[in-house]
Amino acid sequence: MATPPTAISANSQSNTDITALQAIANTQFISQSAQAINNAINMGLFFVVLTTFKNCNLTNLINYYHGLGYQVILPDVHYQNSYDNAPYSFYGVDYYDWLTNNYVFGSILNPTRLRIEWNLPNQGSATGPVTSTQTSNYTMSQNNEIVWVDTTNNNVTISLPSLPLDGWTESVTKISENNTMIISGNGNTINGSSNPVTDTNVSASYTFVFHEGYGWSIF
């Protein structure tokens, strides 16, 4: 009659198997990211946003890209350490399931996106994104800012940098239900228009990339 292993033996073997599965998944993700990053470079972009899949180890992946000099953020995670206020625009009607750890995408439970960024020395901060929460009108002034907009008590206008360099990337997300978030190009166009972006939806999230001679594009 077959007998089960001891708990210590079972625990050790499970950890060994998990480590092996994570190594395989991480290798696959890194290979896919290499192609995505090269494609983004050819398009003149300075970031990619990729979705992890089953068995990927986020900590190991983040450490890997940090080791190569990249900056990595989790755009679905508020302040990078909480699952509150993940952008509704990504998960849509599945947002509640994701928030309660029950969202399945294909065979993947609660997939998480990695935003992998690279900066040249003359294109702003190379120390990582600057994150802030704003409750009143605010003007962004540097590359790689992430702004969470709290419109609980009033409308809030966020102005993009007035003198950006080519490739600067900015992110703006509305984190409250009330009132309106307004995003101004601050002298530059947004998707070819001089009109500001306005949004009343909670968790509305925008990423802007600047191209000299054209203005801001929304991605």
Protein backbone atom coordinates (compact mmCIF):
# COMPACT_ATOMS: atom_id res chain seq x y z
CA MET A 1 0.00 0.00 0.00
CA ALA A 2 1.30 3.39 -0.93
CA THR A 3 1.93 5.72 1.97
CA PRO A 4 2.11 9.52 1.91
CA PRO A 5 5.39 11.28 2.50
CA THR A 6 6.03 13.09 5.72
CA ALA A 7 4.77 16.66 5.91
CA ILE A 8 8.34 17.95 5.87
CA SER A 9 9.16 15.92 2.75
CA ALA A 10 5.93 16.96 1.01
CA ASN A 11 6.57 20.61 1.83
CA SER A 12 10.13 20.42 0.51
CA GLN A 13 9.06 18.75 -2.75
CA SER A 14 6.22 21.23 -3.30
CA ASN A 15 8.60 24.15 -2.84
CA THR A 16 11.06 22.58 -5.27
CA ASP A 17 8.34 22.05 -7.87
CA ILE A 18 6.95 25.57 -7.42
CA THR A 19 10.42 27.05 -7.89
CA ALA A 20 10.91 25.04 -11.09
CA LEU A 21 7.51 26.07 -12.49
CA GLN A 22 8.16 29.72 -11.68
CA ALA A 23 11.56 29.58 -13.36
CA ILE A 24 9.98 28.23 -16.56
CA ALA A 25 7.20 30.84 -16.53
CA ASN A 26 9.61 33.69 -15.81
CA THR A 27 11.87 32.60 -18.69
CA GLN A 28 8.88 32.59 -21.06
CA PHE A 29 7.76 36.03 -19.85
CA ILE A 30 11.25 37.50 -20.22
CA SER A 31 11.54 36.11 -23.76
CA GLN A 32 8.20 37.67 -24.72
CA SER A 33 9.17 40.96 -23.09
CA ALA A 34 12.39 41.14 -25.12
CA GLN A 35 10.42 41.18 -28.37
CA ALA A 36 7.89 43.67 -26.97
CA ILE A 37 10.64 46.02 -25.76
CA ASN A 38 12.44 45.90 -29.12
CA ASN A 39 9.16 46.64 -30.91
CA ALA A 40 8.52 49.60 -28.58
CA ILE A 41 12.05 50.95 -29.20
CA ASN A 42 11.43 50.78 -32.96
CA MET A 43 8.23 52.80 -32.43
CA GLY A 44 10.06 55.46 -30.42
CA LEU A 45 8.38 54.51 -27.13
CA PHE A 46 9.97 54.25 -23.70
CA PHE A 47 7.79 51.65 -22.02
CA VAL A 48 5.79 48.46 -22.49
CA VAL A 49 2.85 47.13 -20.49
CA LEU A 50 2.73 43.33 -20.30
CA THR A 51 0.39 40.93 -18.50
CA THR A 52 1.96 38.17 -16.42
CA PHE A 53 0.55 34.65 -16.55
CA LYS A 54 0.28 31.51 -14.46
CA ASN A 55 3.33 30.68 -12.29
CA CYS A 56 5.12 33.98 -12.95
CA ASN A 57 6.92 35.20 -9.83
CA LEU A 58 6.41 38.96 -9.67
CA THR A 59 9.19 39.59 -7.17
CA ASN A 60 11.76 37.72 -9.22
CA LEU A 61 10.64 39.40 -12.45
CA ILE A 62 10.77 42.89 -10.94
CA ASN A 63 14.22 42.22 -9.50
CA TYR A 64 15.38 40.90 -12.89
CA TYR A 65 14.33 44.06 -14.76
CA HIS A 66 15.69 46.30 -12.01
CA GLY A 67 19.01 44.50 -12.45
CA LEU A 68 18.99 45.55 -16.12
CA GLY A 69 18.33 49.17 -15.15
CA TYR A 70 14.61 49.25 -15.99
CA GLN A 71 11.93 50.80 -13.82
CA VAL A 72 8.93 48.55 -13.11
CA ILE A 73 5.54 49.56 -11.76
CA LEU A 74 2.24 47.71 -11.33
CA PRO A 75 -0.41 49.92 -12.98
CA ASP A 76 -3.25 47.89 -11.45
CA VAL A 77 -2.05 48.42 -7.89
CA HIS A 78 -2.71 51.68 -6.03
CA TYR A 79 0.54 52.98 -4.43
CA GLN A 80 2.21 49.69 -5.45
CA ASN A 81 1.36 48.02 -2.13
CA SER A 82 -2.43 47.69 -2.11
CA TYR A 83 -5.08 46.14 -4.35
CA ASP A 84 -7.48 49.03 -3.76
CA ASN A 85 -8.55 51.22 -6.66
CA ALA A 86 -7.16 49.06 -9.46
CA PRO A 87 -8.12 50.69 -12.77
CA TYR A 88 -11.65 49.73 -13.71
CA SER A 89 -10.76 50.52 -17.31
CA PHE A 90 -8.61 47.37 -17.49
CA TYR A 91 -10.81 44.83 -15.71
CA GLY A 92 -14.19 46.34 -16.64
CA VAL A 93 -17.15 44.32 -15.36
CA ASP A 94 -14.67 41.83 -13.88
CA TYR A 95 -13.18 44.45 -11.55
CA TYR A 96 -14.97 43.17 -8.42
CA ASP A 97 -13.92 39.59 -9.11
CA TRP A 98 -10.31 40.74 -9.49
CA LEU A 99 -10.51 42.78 -6.28
CA THR A 100 -11.80 39.73 -4.37
CA ASN A 101 -9.18 37.41 -5.87
CA ASN A 102 -11.67 35.53 -8.06
CA TYR A 103 -10.95 36.90 -11.54
CA VAL A 104 -9.85 34.28 -14.07
CA PHE A 105 -8.42 35.27 -17.46
CA GLY A 106 -8.18 32.09 -19.50
CA SER A 107 -6.59 29.81 -16.92
CA ILE A 108 -4.89 32.67 -15.07
CA LEU A 109 -6.15 33.72 -11.64
CA ASN A 110 -5.85 37.48 -11.10
CA PRO A 111 -3.34 38.38 -13.83
CA THR A 112 -1.18 41.40 -13.05
CA ARG A 113 0.34 43.84 -15.50
CA LEU A 114 3.95 45.01 -15.39
CA ARG A 115 4.82 48.39 -16.86
CA ILE A 116 8.51 48.23 -17.82
CA GLU A 117 10.13 51.61 -18.51
CA TRP A 118 13.52 52.88 -19.66
CA ASN A 119 14.86 56.44 -19.57
CA LEU A 120 17.80 58.07 -21.30
CA PRO A 121 19.90 60.48 -19.20
CA ASN A 122 18.42 63.57 -20.89
CA GLN A 123 14.83 62.48 -20.57
CA GLY A 124 14.02 63.09 -16.96
CA SER A 125 14.29 61.07 -13.80
CA ALA A 126 16.08 57.74 -14.05
CA THR A 127 15.34 56.89 -10.43
CA GLY A 128 11.82 55.63 -11.04
CA PRO A 129 8.33 57.06 -11.21
CA VAL A 130 7.26 59.93 -8.97
CA THR A 131 3.88 59.08 -7.43
CA SER A 132 1.50 61.54 -5.78
CA THR A 133 -2.17 61.99 -4.91
CA GLN A 134 -3.71 65.34 -5.78
CA THR A 135 -6.92 66.82 -4.36
CA SER A 136 -6.63 70.20 -6.12
CA ASN A 137 -5.32 71.55 -9.41
CA TYR A 138 -1.77 70.38 -10.13
CA THR A 139 0.83 70.84 -12.85
CA MET A 140 3.18 67.97 -13.66
CA SER A 141 6.76 69.07 -14.23
CA GLN A 142 8.92 66.01 -14.93
CA ASN A 143 9.05 62.75 -16.82
CA ASN A 144 7.58 59.56 -15.37
CA GLU A 145 5.00 60.99 -12.98
CA ILE A 146 2.07 58.90 -11.74
CA VAL A 147 -0.77 61.03 -10.39
CA TRP A 148 -3.77 59.69 -8.49
CA VAL A 149 -6.59 62.26 -8.67
CA ASP A 150 -8.93 62.54 -5.69
CA THR A 151 -12.04 64.44 -6.81
CA THR A 152 -14.07 63.69 -3.69
CA ASN A 153 -14.73 67.34 -2.86
CA ASN A 154 -14.28 69.16 -6.18
CA ASN A 155 -13.28 68.98 -9.82
CA VAL A 156 -9.51 68.65 -10.25
CA THR A 157 -7.45 69.77 -13.25
CA ILE A 158 -4.13 68.05 -13.91
CA SER A 159 -1.87 69.88 -16.37
CA LEU A 160 0.71 67.86 -18.27
CA PRO A 161 4.29 69.26 -18.37
CA SER A 162 4.50 72.41 -20.49
CA LEU A 163 8.01 71.74 -21.84
CA PRO A 164 8.30 67.95 -22.16
CA LEU A 165 11.07 66.15 -24.03
CA ASP A 166 10.40 63.57 -26.70
CA GLY A 167 9.32 60.28 -25.14
CA TRP A 168 8.22 61.65 -21.76
CA THR A 169 5.49 59.47 -20.27
CA GLU A 170 2.89 60.50 -17.69
CA SER A 171 0.07 58.54 -16.02
CA VAL A 172 -3.12 59.95 -14.48
CA THR A 173 -5.84 57.96 -12.69
CA LYS A 174 -9.10 59.10 -11.07
CA ILE A 175 -9.61 57.37 -7.70
CA SER A 176 -12.92 58.77 -6.46
CA GLU A 177 -16.50 58.68 -7.71
CA ASN A 178 -17.54 62.31 -7.31
CA ASN A 179 -16.96 65.25 -9.66
CA THR A 180 -14.74 65.48 -12.75
CA MET A 181 -11.09 64.90 -13.55
CA ILE A 182 -9.74 67.29 -16.20
CA ILE A 183 -6.39 66.76 -17.94
CA SER A 184 -4.90 69.71 -19.81
CA GLY A 185 -2.24 69.56 -22.50
CA ASN A 186 -0.79 72.75 -21.01
CA GLY A 187 0.02 74.30 -24.39
CA ASN A 188 0.44 71.00 -26.26
CA THR A 189 -2.24 69.01 -28.04
CA ILE A 190 -3.63 65.69 -26.80
CA ASN A 191 -4.30 63.24 -29.65
CA GLY A 192 -4.16 66.20 -32.00
CA SER A 193 -6.77 68.23 -30.12
CA SER A 194 -6.33 71.37 -28.04
CA ASN A 195 -9.29 70.36 -25.86
CA PRO A 196 -8.63 68.89 -22.42
CA VAL A 197 -9.55 65.33 -21.50
CA THR A 198 -12.47 65.15 -19.06
CA ASP A 199 -13.69 62.06 -17.22
CA THR A 200 -16.22 61.43 -14.45
CA ASN A 201 -15.67 57.67 -14.12
CA VAL A 202 -13.99 56.27 -11.04
CA SER A 203 -10.68 54.54 -11.87
CA ALA A 204 -10.51 56.21 -15.30
CA SER A 205 -6.84 55.86 -16.18
CA TYR A 206 -4.74 57.51 -18.90
CA THR A 207 -1.13 57.14 -20.03
CA PHE A 208 0.28 60.00 -22.12
CA VAL A 209 3.43 59.85 -24.28
CA PHE A 210 4.92 63.01 -25.80
CA HIS A 211 6.21 63.16 -29.38
CA GLU A 212 7.99 66.29 -30.57
CA GLY A 213 6.21 67.89 -33.48
CA TYR A 214 2.93 66.18 -32.62
CA GLY A 215 2.12 66.54 -28.93
CA TRP A 216 0.71 64.09 -26.40
CA SER A 217 -0.74 60.73 -27.43
CA ILE A 218 -2.98 58.61 -25.22
CA PHE A 219 -2.03 54.95 -24.86
